Amino acid sequence: MEIPTITIIDEADRKKAIATLLLGFSGDPFIRWLNPRADLYLEAGPSFDAFGGRAIDSGSAYVANEFEGVALWMPPGVESDEERFIEEVLKFVPESKHETMFKVLEAMEEYHPKDAWYLPIIGVDPVYQGKGIGSLLMKKAIERVDSEGLSAYLESSNPLNMSLYERCGFETMGRIQIGDCPVIHPMIREKM
């Protein structure tokens, strides 16, 4: 197998990047808890863009080959478009889950260090999963984080991804589990 090329996503490819992420998260426990209906989930692309799309604006969003995988990394000082994110999420998350969802988001915020690079979203198209694409996307971004002498932070909502993050030097900071939502693990990679 040819080693994927990792490049920076530009604005013209935003829609392709978000589509890859939607596919990559189609089996994610937390995201599908929020969006259990397939029809609603497939319309949730704008919420992905609002949550991590500023990485594209910042030149810190990575793509493998022809959108086999995407990682949206945000440098310190760059944050999600919170207002737009909430507006979009409320369209797709059943009202019965709103209270729990907001509590989970608050808990995530409590762990989030402001002086670290943040990985809000990384996803690989299911057709290409298991081929090391996620590892390559992580490696490329971690090189940049390390070159700047900073730490990195993420939340893992899928237990299947924990070993990847641990191999990249991330350690679990805690456990977020509110109501009937699946567990989310905030993770930190200290400065190297």
N, C-alpha and C. Protein backbone atom coordinates (compact mmCIF):
# COMPACT_ATOMS: atom_id res chain seq x y z
N MET A 1 0.84 -1.19 0.00
CA MET A 1 0.00 0.00 0.00
C MET A 1 0.88 1.25 0.00
N GLU A 2 0.50 2.21 -0.79
CA GLU A 2 1.22 3.47 -0.87
C GLU A 2 0.97 4.30 0.39
N ILE A 3 2.01 4.94 0.91
CA ILE A 3 1.87 5.77 2.09
C ILE A 3 1.09 7.03 1.71
N PRO A 4 0.02 7.33 2.45
CA PRO A 4 -0.79 8.52 2.11
C PRO A 4 0.01 9.81 2.25
N THR A 5 -0.33 10.75 1.40
CA THR A 5 0.24 12.09 1.48
C THR A 5 -0.66 12.92 2.38
N ILE A 6 -0.06 13.61 3.35
CA ILE A 6 -0.81 14.47 4.26
C ILE A 6 -0.54 15.91 3.87
N THR A 7 -1.62 16.65 3.59
CA THR A 7 -1.50 18.05 3.20
C THR A 7 -2.49 18.89 4.01
N ILE A 8 -2.35 20.20 3.86
CA ILE A 8 -3.25 21.15 4.53
C ILE A 8 -4.50 21.33 3.66
N ILE A 9 -5.65 21.35 4.33
CA ILE A 9 -6.92 21.57 3.63
C ILE A 9 -7.09 23.06 3.37
N ASP A 10 -7.54 23.41 2.16
CA ASP A 10 -7.84 24.82 1.91
C ASP A 10 -9.35 25.02 1.85
N GLU A 11 -9.74 26.25 1.83
CA GLU A 11 -11.16 26.62 1.90
C GLU A 11 -11.99 25.95 0.81
N ALA A 12 -11.43 25.81 -0.37
CA ALA A 12 -12.18 25.23 -1.49
C ALA A 12 -12.59 23.78 -1.22
N ASP A 13 -11.91 23.12 -0.29
CA ASP A 13 -12.18 21.72 0.00
C ASP A 13 -12.90 21.50 1.33
N ARG A 14 -13.43 22.57 1.90
CA ARG A 14 -14.13 22.46 3.19
C ARG A 14 -15.25 21.43 3.14
N LYS A 15 -16.08 21.48 2.11
CA LYS A 15 -17.23 20.57 2.01
C LYS A 15 -16.79 19.11 1.95
N LYS A 16 -15.73 18.82 1.20
CA LYS A 16 -15.20 17.45 1.12
C LYS A 16 -14.69 16.99 2.48
N ALA A 17 -14.02 17.88 3.19
CA ALA A 17 -13.48 17.53 4.50
C ALA A 17 -14.61 17.18 5.47
N ILE A 18 -15.64 17.99 5.49
CA ILE A 18 -16.77 17.75 6.40
C ILE A 18 -17.47 16.45 6.04
N ALA A 19 -17.60 16.15 4.75
CA ALA A 19 -18.22 14.89 4.33
C ALA A 19 -17.42 13.69 4.83
N THR A 20 -16.10 13.77 4.75
CA THR A 20 -15.25 12.68 5.26
C THR A 20 -15.46 12.50 6.76
N LEU A 21 -15.54 13.61 7.48
CA LEU A 21 -15.75 13.52 8.93
C LEU A 21 -17.11 12.91 9.27
N LEU A 22 -18.13 13.28 8.53
CA LEU A 22 -19.46 12.67 8.76
C LEU A 22 -19.40 11.16 8.59
N LEU A 23 -18.72 10.70 7.56
CA LEU A 23 -18.58 9.26 7.37
C LEU A 23 -17.76 8.64 8.49
N GLY A 24 -16.66 9.31 8.84
CA GLY A 24 -15.78 8.78 9.88
C GLY A 24 -16.44 8.65 11.24
N PHE A 25 -17.38 9.54 11.53
CA PHE A 25 -18.05 9.52 12.84
C PHE A 25 -19.39 8.79 12.81
N SER A 26 -19.70 8.14 11.72
CA SER A 26 -21.02 7.51 11.60
C SER A 26 -21.25 6.40 12.63
N GLY A 27 -20.19 5.86 13.20
CA GLY A 27 -20.33 4.85 14.24
C GLY A 27 -19.84 5.29 15.60
N ASP A 28 -19.57 6.58 15.75
CA ASP A 28 -19.05 7.10 17.02
C ASP A 28 -20.14 7.04 18.10
N PRO A 29 -19.83 6.45 19.24
CA PRO A 29 -20.86 6.29 20.28
C PRO A 29 -21.51 7.60 20.75
N PHE A 30 -20.72 8.62 21.02
CA PHE A 30 -21.29 9.86 21.54
C PHE A 30 -22.06 10.63 20.46
N ILE A 31 -21.46 10.76 19.30
CA ILE A 31 -22.10 11.52 18.22
C ILE A 31 -23.42 10.86 17.81
N ARG A 32 -23.44 9.53 17.74
CA ARG A 32 -24.68 8.86 17.36
C ARG A 32 -25.67 8.82 18.51
N TRP A 33 -25.19 8.95 19.75
CA TRP A 33 -26.12 9.13 20.87
C TRP A 33 -26.83 10.47 20.69
N LEU A 34 -26.07 11.50 20.28
CA LEU A 34 -26.67 12.80 20.02
C LEU A 34 -27.62 12.76 18.83
N ASN A 35 -27.23 12.06 17.78
CA ASN A 35 -27.98 12.00 16.52
C ASN A 35 -28.31 10.55 16.19
N PRO A 36 -29.25 9.92 16.90
CA PRO A 36 -29.52 8.50 16.67
C PRO A 36 -30.22 8.19 15.35
N ARG A 37 -30.91 9.16 14.78
CA ARG A 37 -31.60 8.94 13.51
C ARG A 37 -30.67 9.25 12.35
N ALA A 38 -30.56 8.31 11.43
CA ALA A 38 -29.65 8.47 10.29
C ALA A 38 -29.95 9.72 9.48
N ASP A 39 -31.23 10.01 9.25
CA ASP A 39 -31.56 11.17 8.43
C ASP A 39 -31.10 12.46 9.08
N LEU A 40 -31.27 12.56 10.40
CA LEU A 40 -30.80 13.76 11.11
C LEU A 40 -29.28 13.81 11.14
N TYR A 41 -28.66 12.67 11.38
CA TYR A 41 -27.20 12.64 11.43
C TYR A 41 -26.59 13.12 10.11
N LEU A 42 -27.14 12.67 9.01
CA LEU A 42 -26.58 13.03 7.70
C LEU A 42 -26.74 14.51 7.37
N GLU A 43 -27.59 15.21 8.09
CA GLU A 43 -27.75 16.65 7.90
C GLU A 43 -26.90 17.46 8.89
N ALA A 44 -26.11 16.79 9.71
CA ALA A 44 -25.38 17.45 10.79
C ALA A 44 -24.03 18.03 10.38
N GLY A 45 -23.70 18.01 9.11
CA GLY A 45 -22.40 18.54 8.67
C GLY A 45 -22.08 19.94 9.15
N PRO A 46 -23.04 20.87 9.12
CA PRO A 46 -22.74 22.22 9.60
C PRO A 46 -22.30 22.26 11.07
N SER A 47 -22.78 21.32 11.88
CA SER A 47 -22.34 21.32 13.28
C SER A 47 -20.89 20.87 13.39
N PHE A 48 -20.46 19.94 12.54
CA PHE A 48 -19.05 19.54 12.50
C PHE A 48 -18.18 20.73 12.09
N ASP A 49 -18.65 21.45 11.08
CA ASP A 49 -17.90 22.61 10.59
C ASP A 49 -17.80 23.69 11.67
N ALA A 50 -18.90 23.93 12.38
CA ALA A 50 -18.89 24.95 13.44
C ALA A 50 -17.98 24.54 14.59
N PHE A 51 -17.93 23.24 14.90
CA PHE A 51 -17.13 22.76 16.02
C PHE A 51 -15.64 22.79 15.71
N GLY A 52 -15.24 22.42 14.48
CA GLY A 52 -13.81 22.34 14.17
C GLY A 52 -13.36 23.07 12.93
N GLY A 53 -14.28 23.69 12.22
CA GLY A 53 -13.95 24.30 10.93
C GLY A 53 -12.97 25.45 10.98
N ARG A 54 -12.81 26.07 12.13
CA ARG A 54 -11.84 27.17 12.20
C ARG A 54 -10.40 26.66 12.03
N ALA A 55 -10.22 25.35 12.12
CA ALA A 55 -8.91 24.77 11.81
C ALA A 55 -8.58 24.99 10.33
N ILE A 56 -9.60 24.91 9.48
CA ILE A 56 -9.39 25.16 8.06
C ILE A 56 -9.01 26.62 7.86
N ASP A 57 -9.70 27.51 8.55
CA ASP A 57 -9.39 28.94 8.46
C ASP A 57 -7.98 29.25 8.95
N SER A 58 -7.49 28.44 9.90
CA SER A 58 -6.18 28.68 10.52
C SER A 58 -5.04 27.96 9.81
N GLY A 59 -5.35 27.21 8.76
CA GLY A 59 -4.29 26.48 8.06
C GLY A 59 -3.74 25.33 8.88
N SER A 60 -4.58 24.76 9.74
CA SER A 60 -4.13 23.67 10.60
C SER A 60 -5.09 22.47 10.53
N ALA A 61 -5.68 22.30 9.36
CA ALA A 61 -6.54 21.15 9.09
C ALA A 61 -5.81 20.27 8.08
N TYR A 62 -5.74 18.98 8.37
CA TYR A 62 -4.96 18.05 7.56
C TYR A 62 -5.86 17.05 6.85
N VAL A 63 -5.44 16.67 5.64
CA VAL A 63 -6.18 15.68 4.85
C VAL A 63 -5.19 14.62 4.36
N ALA A 64 -5.65 13.39 4.33
CA ALA A 64 -4.86 12.28 3.77
C ALA A 64 -5.36 12.01 2.36
N ASN A 65 -4.43 12.05 1.42
CA ASN A 65 -4.74 11.78 0.01
C ASN A 65 -6.00 12.50 -0.46
N GLU A 66 -6.90 11.76 -1.05
CA GLU A 66 -8.13 12.33 -1.60
C GLU A 66 -9.26 12.24 -0.58
N PHE A 67 -9.04 12.82 0.58
CA PHE A 67 -10.04 12.88 1.65
C PHE A 67 -10.39 11.50 2.22
N GLU A 68 -9.35 10.67 2.35
CA GLU A 68 -9.52 9.38 3.02
C GLU A 68 -9.64 9.60 4.53
N GLY A 69 -9.01 10.65 5.01
CA GLY A 69 -9.07 11.00 6.42
C GLY A 69 -8.83 12.48 6.59
N VAL A 70 -9.36 13.04 7.69
CA VAL A 70 -9.26 14.48 7.96
C VAL A 70 -9.03 14.69 9.45
N ALA A 71 -8.16 15.63 9.79
CA ALA A 71 -7.95 16.03 11.18
C ALA A 71 -8.01 17.54 11.26
N LEU A 72 -8.91 18.03 12.10
CA LEU A 72 -9.06 19.48 12.29
C LEU A 72 -8.39 19.86 13.61
N TRP A 73 -7.24 20.48 13.53
CA TRP A 73 -6.48 20.92 14.71
C TRP A 73 -6.58 22.43 14.84
N MET A 74 -6.80 22.90 16.06
CA MET A 74 -6.88 24.35 16.28
C MET A 74 -5.75 24.78 17.22
N PRO A 75 -4.97 25.77 16.78
CA PRO A 75 -3.90 26.26 17.64
C PRO A 75 -4.45 27.03 18.84
N PRO A 76 -3.62 27.23 19.86
CA PRO A 76 -4.07 28.03 21.00
C PRO A 76 -4.62 29.37 20.53
N GLY A 77 -5.72 29.80 21.14
CA GLY A 77 -6.34 31.07 20.79
C GLY A 77 -7.42 30.96 19.72
N VAL A 78 -7.50 29.81 19.04
CA VAL A 78 -8.54 29.59 18.04
C VAL A 78 -9.59 28.67 18.68
N GLU A 79 -10.83 29.09 18.61
CA GLU A 79 -11.89 28.32 19.25
C GLU A 79 -13.01 28.01 18.27
N SER A 80 -13.83 27.05 18.64
CA SER A 80 -15.00 26.71 17.84
C SER A 80 -15.91 27.92 17.71
N ASP A 81 -16.71 27.91 16.67
CA ASP A 81 -17.75 28.92 16.49
C ASP A 81 -18.93 28.47 17.36
N GLU A 82 -18.83 28.79 18.65
CA GLU A 82 -19.76 28.25 19.64
C GLU A 82 -21.22 28.60 19.34
N GLU A 83 -21.47 29.83 18.98
CA GLU A 83 -22.84 30.26 18.71
C GLU A 83 -23.44 29.46 17.54
N ARG A 84 -22.69 29.35 16.47
CA ARG A 84 -23.16 28.60 15.31
C ARG A 84 -23.28 27.11 15.65
N PHE A 85 -22.32 26.59 16.41
CA PHE A 85 -22.36 25.17 16.79
C PHE A 85 -23.65 24.85 17.55
N ILE A 86 -23.96 25.65 18.56
CA ILE A 86 -25.17 25.41 19.34
C ILE A 86 -26.41 25.51 18.45
N GLU A 87 -26.44 26.52 17.61
CA GLU A 87 -27.57 26.71 16.69
C GLU A 87 -27.76 25.47 15.80
N GLU A 88 -26.66 24.94 15.27
CA GLU A 88 -26.74 23.77 14.38
C GLU A 88 -27.11 22.51 15.15
N VAL A 89 -26.48 22.31 16.29
CA VAL A 89 -26.72 21.09 17.07
C VAL A 89 -28.17 21.00 17.51
N LEU A 90 -28.76 22.12 17.87
CA LEU A 90 -30.14 22.11 18.34
C LEU A 90 -31.11 21.67 17.24
N LYS A 91 -30.69 21.77 15.99
CA LYS A 91 -31.53 21.32 14.88
C LYS A 91 -31.57 19.79 14.78
N PHE A 92 -30.50 19.12 15.26
CA PHE A 92 -30.35 17.70 15.01
C PHE A 92 -30.38 16.82 16.25
N VAL A 93 -30.20 17.40 17.40
CA VAL A 93 -30.20 16.63 18.64
C VAL A 93 -31.61 16.66 19.23
N PRO A 94 -32.17 15.49 19.53
CA PRO A 94 -33.51 15.47 20.12
C PRO A 94 -33.57 16.31 21.40
N GLU A 95 -34.66 17.02 21.57
CA GLU A 95 -34.81 17.91 22.72
C GLU A 95 -34.61 17.18 24.05
N SER A 96 -34.97 15.93 24.11
CA SER A 96 -34.81 15.16 25.35
C SER A 96 -33.35 15.01 25.77
N LYS A 97 -32.42 15.29 24.86
CA LYS A 97 -30.98 15.15 25.16
C LYS A 97 -30.29 16.49 25.37
N HIS A 98 -30.99 17.58 25.19
CA HIS A 98 -30.36 18.90 25.29
C HIS A 98 -29.71 19.13 26.64
N GLU A 99 -30.42 18.89 27.73
CA GLU A 99 -29.87 19.17 29.05
C GLU A 99 -28.58 18.38 29.30
N THR A 100 -28.60 17.10 28.99
CA THR A 100 -27.40 16.27 29.18
C THR A 100 -26.28 16.74 28.27
N MET A 101 -26.60 17.04 27.01
CA MET A 101 -25.59 17.49 26.07
C MET A 101 -24.89 18.76 26.58
N PHE A 102 -25.65 19.72 27.08
CA PHE A 102 -25.04 20.95 27.57
C PHE A 102 -24.16 20.69 28.80
N LYS A 103 -24.57 19.78 29.66
CA LYS A 103 -23.74 19.41 30.81
C LYS A 103 -22.44 18.76 30.35
N VAL A 104 -22.52 17.91 29.34
CA VAL A 104 -21.31 17.27 28.79
C VAL A 104 -20.38 18.32 28.19
N LEU A 105 -20.93 19.24 27.41
CA LEU A 105 -20.10 20.30 26.82
C LEU A 105 -19.44 21.16 27.90
N GLU A 106 -20.16 21.45 28.97
CA GLU A 106 -19.56 22.21 30.09
C GLU A 106 -18.43 21.42 30.73
N ALA A 107 -18.63 20.13 30.92
CA ALA A 107 -17.59 19.29 31.52
C ALA A 107 -16.36 19.23 30.62
N MET A 108 -16.57 19.14 29.32
CA MET A 108 -15.45 19.14 28.38
C MET A 108 -14.67 20.44 28.49
N GLU A 109 -15.37 21.54 28.59
CA GLU A 109 -14.74 22.85 28.68
C GLU A 109 -13.87 22.98 29.94
N GLU A 110 -14.29 22.35 31.02
CA GLU A 110 -13.52 22.40 32.27
C GLU A 110 -12.15 21.74 32.12
N TYR A 111 -12.05 20.74 31.29
CA TYR A 111 -10.76 20.05 31.09
C TYR A 111 -9.87 20.75 30.07
N HIS A 112 -10.46 21.49 29.16
CA HIS A 112 -9.77 22.03 28.00
C HIS A 112 -8.75 23.11 28.37
N PRO A 113 -7.43 22.83 28.24
CA PRO A 113 -6.43 23.87 28.50
C PRO A 113 -6.40 24.88 27.35
N LYS A 114 -6.34 26.15 27.68
CA LYS A 114 -6.41 27.19 26.65
C LYS A 114 -5.07 27.41 25.94
N ASP A 115 -3.98 26.92 26.53
CA ASP A 115 -2.66 27.15 25.94
C ASP A 115 -2.15 25.94 25.16
N ALA A 116 -3.06 25.06 24.77
CA ALA A 116 -2.68 23.84 24.05
C ALA A 116 -3.32 23.80 22.67
N TRP A 117 -2.68 23.07 21.75
CA TRP A 117 -3.32 22.76 20.49
C TRP A 117 -4.50 21.86 20.81
N TYR A 118 -5.58 22.00 20.06
CA TYR A 118 -6.80 21.24 20.32
C TYR A 118 -7.23 20.49 19.06
N LEU A 119 -7.49 19.20 19.25
CA LEU A 119 -8.01 18.37 18.17
C LEU A 119 -9.48 18.10 18.44
N PRO A 120 -10.37 18.94 17.90
CA PRO A 120 -11.80 18.71 18.12
C PRO A 120 -12.34 17.52 17.32
N ILE A 121 -11.75 17.29 16.13
CA ILE A 121 -12.30 16.24 15.27
C ILE A 121 -11.20 15.62 14.40
N ILE A 122 -11.15 14.30 14.42
CA ILE A 122 -10.34 13.54 13.46
C ILE A 122 -11.19 12.36 13.02
N GLY A 123 -11.24 12.11 11.73
CA GLY A 123 -12.04 11.01 11.23
C GLY A 123 -11.49 10.45 9.94
N VAL A 124 -11.69 9.15 9.78
CA VAL A 124 -11.26 8.46 8.57
C VAL A 124 -12.48 7.80 7.94
N ASP A 125 -12.63 7.98 6.65
CA ASP A 125 -13.70 7.33 5.91
C ASP A 125 -13.65 5.83 6.23
N PRO A 126 -14.77 5.21 6.60
CA PRO A 126 -14.76 3.80 6.98
C PRO A 126 -14.12 2.87 5.95
N VAL A 127 -14.18 3.21 4.68
CA VAL A 127 -13.56 2.38 3.64
C VAL A 127 -12.04 2.29 3.85
N TYR A 128 -11.45 3.34 4.46
CA TYR A 128 -10.00 3.40 4.63
C TYR A 128 -9.54 3.18 6.06
N GLN A 129 -10.45 2.91 6.97
CA GLN A 129 -10.06 2.69 8.36
C GLN A 129 -9.23 1.42 8.48
N GLY A 130 -8.33 1.43 9.47
CA GLY A 130 -7.46 0.27 9.71
C GLY A 130 -6.23 0.24 8.83
N LYS A 131 -5.95 1.32 8.12
CA LYS A 131 -4.80 1.37 7.21
C LYS A 131 -3.72 2.34 7.68
N GLY A 132 -3.85 2.84 8.91
CA GLY A 132 -2.83 3.74 9.46
C GLY A 132 -3.02 5.20 9.12
N ILE A 133 -4.12 5.56 8.50
CA ILE A 133 -4.33 6.95 8.10
C ILE A 133 -4.48 7.86 9.31
N GLY A 134 -5.24 7.42 10.30
CA GLY A 134 -5.37 8.21 11.53
C GLY A 134 -4.03 8.46 12.18
N SER A 135 -3.17 7.45 12.21
CA SER A 135 -1.83 7.60 12.79
C SER A 135 -1.01 8.62 12.05
N LEU A 136 -1.07 8.58 10.72
CA LEU A 136 -0.31 9.54 9.91
C LEU A 136 -0.83 10.96 10.10
N LEU A 137 -2.14 11.12 10.18
CA LEU A 137 -2.71 12.45 10.44
C LEU A 137 -2.26 12.97 11.80
N MET A 138 -2.26 12.10 12.80
CA MET A 138 -1.82 12.50 14.14
C MET A 138 -0.34 12.87 14.12
N LYS A 139 0.48 12.05 13.48
CA LYS A 139 1.93 12.28 13.45
C LYS A 139 2.26 13.65 12.83
N LYS A 140 1.61 13.96 11.72
CA LYS A 140 1.87 15.23 11.03
C LYS A 140 1.57 16.42 11.94
N ALA A 141 0.44 16.38 12.61
CA ALA A 141 0.07 17.50 13.49
C ALA A 141 0.96 17.55 14.72
N ILE A 142 1.28 16.40 15.29
CA ILE A 142 2.12 16.35 16.49
C ILE A 142 3.50 16.94 16.19
N GLU A 143 4.02 16.72 14.99
CA GLU A 143 5.30 17.33 14.61
C GLU A 143 5.22 18.85 14.72
N ARG A 144 4.12 19.41 14.27
CA ARG A 144 3.93 20.86 14.35
C ARG A 144 3.79 21.32 15.79
N VAL A 145 2.99 20.60 16.57
CA VAL A 145 2.80 20.94 17.99
C VAL A 145 4.15 20.91 18.71
N ASP A 146 4.93 19.85 18.48
CA ASP A 146 6.23 19.72 19.15
C ASP A 146 7.21 20.81 18.70
N SER A 147 7.15 21.17 17.42
CA SER A 147 8.07 22.21 16.93
C SER A 147 7.80 23.55 17.61
N GLU A 148 6.56 23.74 18.08
CA GLU A 148 6.19 24.96 18.78
C GLU A 148 6.33 24.83 20.29
N GLY A 149 6.73 23.64 20.75
CA GLY A 149 6.95 23.43 22.18
C GLY A 149 5.68 23.53 23.01
N LEU A 150 4.56 23.07 22.45
CA LEU A 150 3.28 23.19 23.14
C LEU A 150 2.70 21.83 23.47
N SER A 151 1.68 21.82 24.31
CA SER A 151 0.96 20.60 24.60
C SER A 151 -0.21 20.48 23.63
N ALA A 152 -0.87 19.32 23.65
CA ALA A 152 -2.02 19.07 22.78
C ALA A 152 -3.12 18.42 23.61
N TYR A 153 -4.36 18.69 23.21
CA TYR A 153 -5.52 18.22 23.96
C TYR A 153 -6.59 17.70 22.99
N LEU A 154 -7.32 16.68 23.43
CA LEU A 154 -8.44 16.15 22.66
C LEU A 154 -9.42 15.48 23.62
N GLU A 155 -10.59 15.17 23.11
CA GLU A 155 -11.55 14.34 23.83
C GLU A 155 -11.82 13.12 22.97
N SER A 156 -11.68 11.95 23.57
CA SER A 156 -11.97 10.71 22.85
C SER A 156 -13.37 10.24 23.21
N SER A 157 -14.22 10.19 22.20
CA SER A 157 -15.58 9.73 22.40
C SER A 157 -15.76 8.30 21.91
N ASN A 158 -14.70 7.70 21.41
CA ASN A 158 -14.76 6.34 20.91
C ASN A 158 -13.65 5.51 21.54
N PRO A 159 -13.98 4.52 22.36
CA PRO A 159 -12.96 3.72 23.03
C PRO A 159 -12.01 3.02 22.06
N LEU A 160 -12.44 2.79 20.83
CA LEU A 160 -11.58 2.14 19.84
C LEU A 160 -10.40 3.02 19.45
N ASN A 161 -10.49 4.33 19.68
CA ASN A 161 -9.41 5.25 19.29
C ASN A 161 -8.41 5.52 20.41
N MET A 162 -8.72 5.08 21.61
CA MET A 162 -7.86 5.41 22.77
C MET A 162 -6.41 4.95 22.56
N SER A 163 -6.22 3.74 22.03
CA SER A 163 -4.86 3.23 21.86
C SER A 163 -4.06 4.07 20.86
N LEU A 164 -4.71 4.58 19.82
CA LEU A 164 -4.03 5.46 18.87
C LEU A 164 -3.53 6.71 19.59
N TYR A 165 -4.39 7.33 20.37
CA TYR A 165 -4.00 8.54 21.06
C TYR A 165 -2.90 8.27 22.09
N GLU A 166 -2.99 7.15 22.77
CA GLU A 166 -1.96 6.79 23.74
C GLU A 166 -0.62 6.56 23.06
N ARG A 167 -0.62 5.91 21.89
CA ARG A 167 0.63 5.72 21.14
C ARG A 167 1.25 7.05 20.72
N CYS A 168 0.41 8.06 20.57
CA CYS A 168 0.89 9.40 20.20
C CYS A 168 1.29 10.22 21.42
N GLY A 169 1.25 9.63 22.59
CA GLY A 169 1.71 10.31 23.80
C GLY A 169 0.63 10.96 24.64
N PHE A 170 -0.63 10.76 24.31
CA PHE A 170 -1.73 11.35 25.09
C PHE A 170 -2.02 10.49 26.31
N GLU A 171 -2.38 11.16 27.39
CA GLU A 171 -2.77 10.48 28.62
C GLU A 171 -4.16 10.95 29.01
N THR A 172 -4.92 10.01 29.57
CA THR A 172 -6.29 10.32 29.99
C THR A 172 -6.27 11.23 31.22
N MET A 173 -7.03 12.31 31.17
CA MET A 173 -7.13 13.27 32.27
C MET A 173 -8.30 12.96 33.19
N GLY A 174 -9.31 12.29 32.65
CA GLY A 174 -10.51 12.04 33.43
C GLY A 174 -11.53 11.31 32.59
N ARG A 175 -12.74 11.34 33.09
CA ARG A 175 -13.84 10.61 32.47
C ARG A 175 -15.10 11.47 32.60
N ILE A 176 -15.75 11.71 31.47
CA ILE A 176 -17.00 12.47 31.48
C ILE A 176 -18.12 11.49 31.12
N GLN A 177 -19.06 11.35 32.03
CA GLN A 177 -20.20 10.47 31.77
C GLN A 177 -21.38 11.03 32.54
N ILE A 178 -22.31 11.61 31.83
CA ILE A 178 -23.47 12.26 32.44
C ILE A 178 -24.73 11.62 31.88
N GLY A 179 -25.63 11.27 32.77
CA GLY A 179 -26.88 10.65 32.33
C GLY A 179 -26.61 9.38 31.55
N ASP A 180 -27.31 9.23 30.43
CA ASP A 180 -27.16 8.02 29.63
C ASP A 180 -26.21 8.19 28.45
N CYS A 181 -25.43 9.29 28.44
CA CYS A 181 -24.51 9.49 27.31
C CYS A 181 -23.30 8.57 27.45
N PRO A 182 -22.72 8.16 26.32
CA PRO A 182 -21.50 7.36 26.38
C PRO A 182 -20.36 8.15 27.02
N VAL A 183 -19.38 7.43 27.51
CA VAL A 183 -18.22 8.04 28.18
C VAL A 183 -17.36 8.80 27.18
N ILE A 184 -16.85 9.95 27.63
CA ILE A 184 -15.89 10.75 26.87
C ILE A 184 -14.65 10.89 27.76
N HIS A 185 -13.48 10.68 27.15
CA HIS A 185 -12.22 10.82 27.89
C HIS A 185 -11.44 12.04 27.41
N PRO A 186 -11.29 13.07 28.25
CA PRO A 186 -10.38 14.16 27.90
C PRO A 186 -8.94 13.63 28.00
N MET A 187 -8.11 14.01 27.03
CA MET A 187 -6.74 13.52 26.99
C MET A 187 -5.78 14.65 26.70
N ILE A 188 -4.60 14.58 27.32
CA ILE A 188 -3.58 15.61 27.17
C ILE A 188 -2.26 14.97 26.73
N ARG A 189 -1.54 15.68 25.89
CA ARG A 189 -0.17 15.32 25.53
C ARG A 189 0.67 16.50 25.97
N GLU A 190 1.44 16.28 27.01
CA GLU A 190 2.23 17.37 27.57
C GLU A 190 3.32 17.80 26.61
N LYS A 191 3.85 18.99 26.83
CA LYS A 191 4.93 19.54 26.00
C LYS A 191 6.08 18.54 25.96
N MET A 192 6.67 18.41 24.79
CA MET A 192 7.82 17.51 24.62
C MET A 192 9.09 18.32 24.52
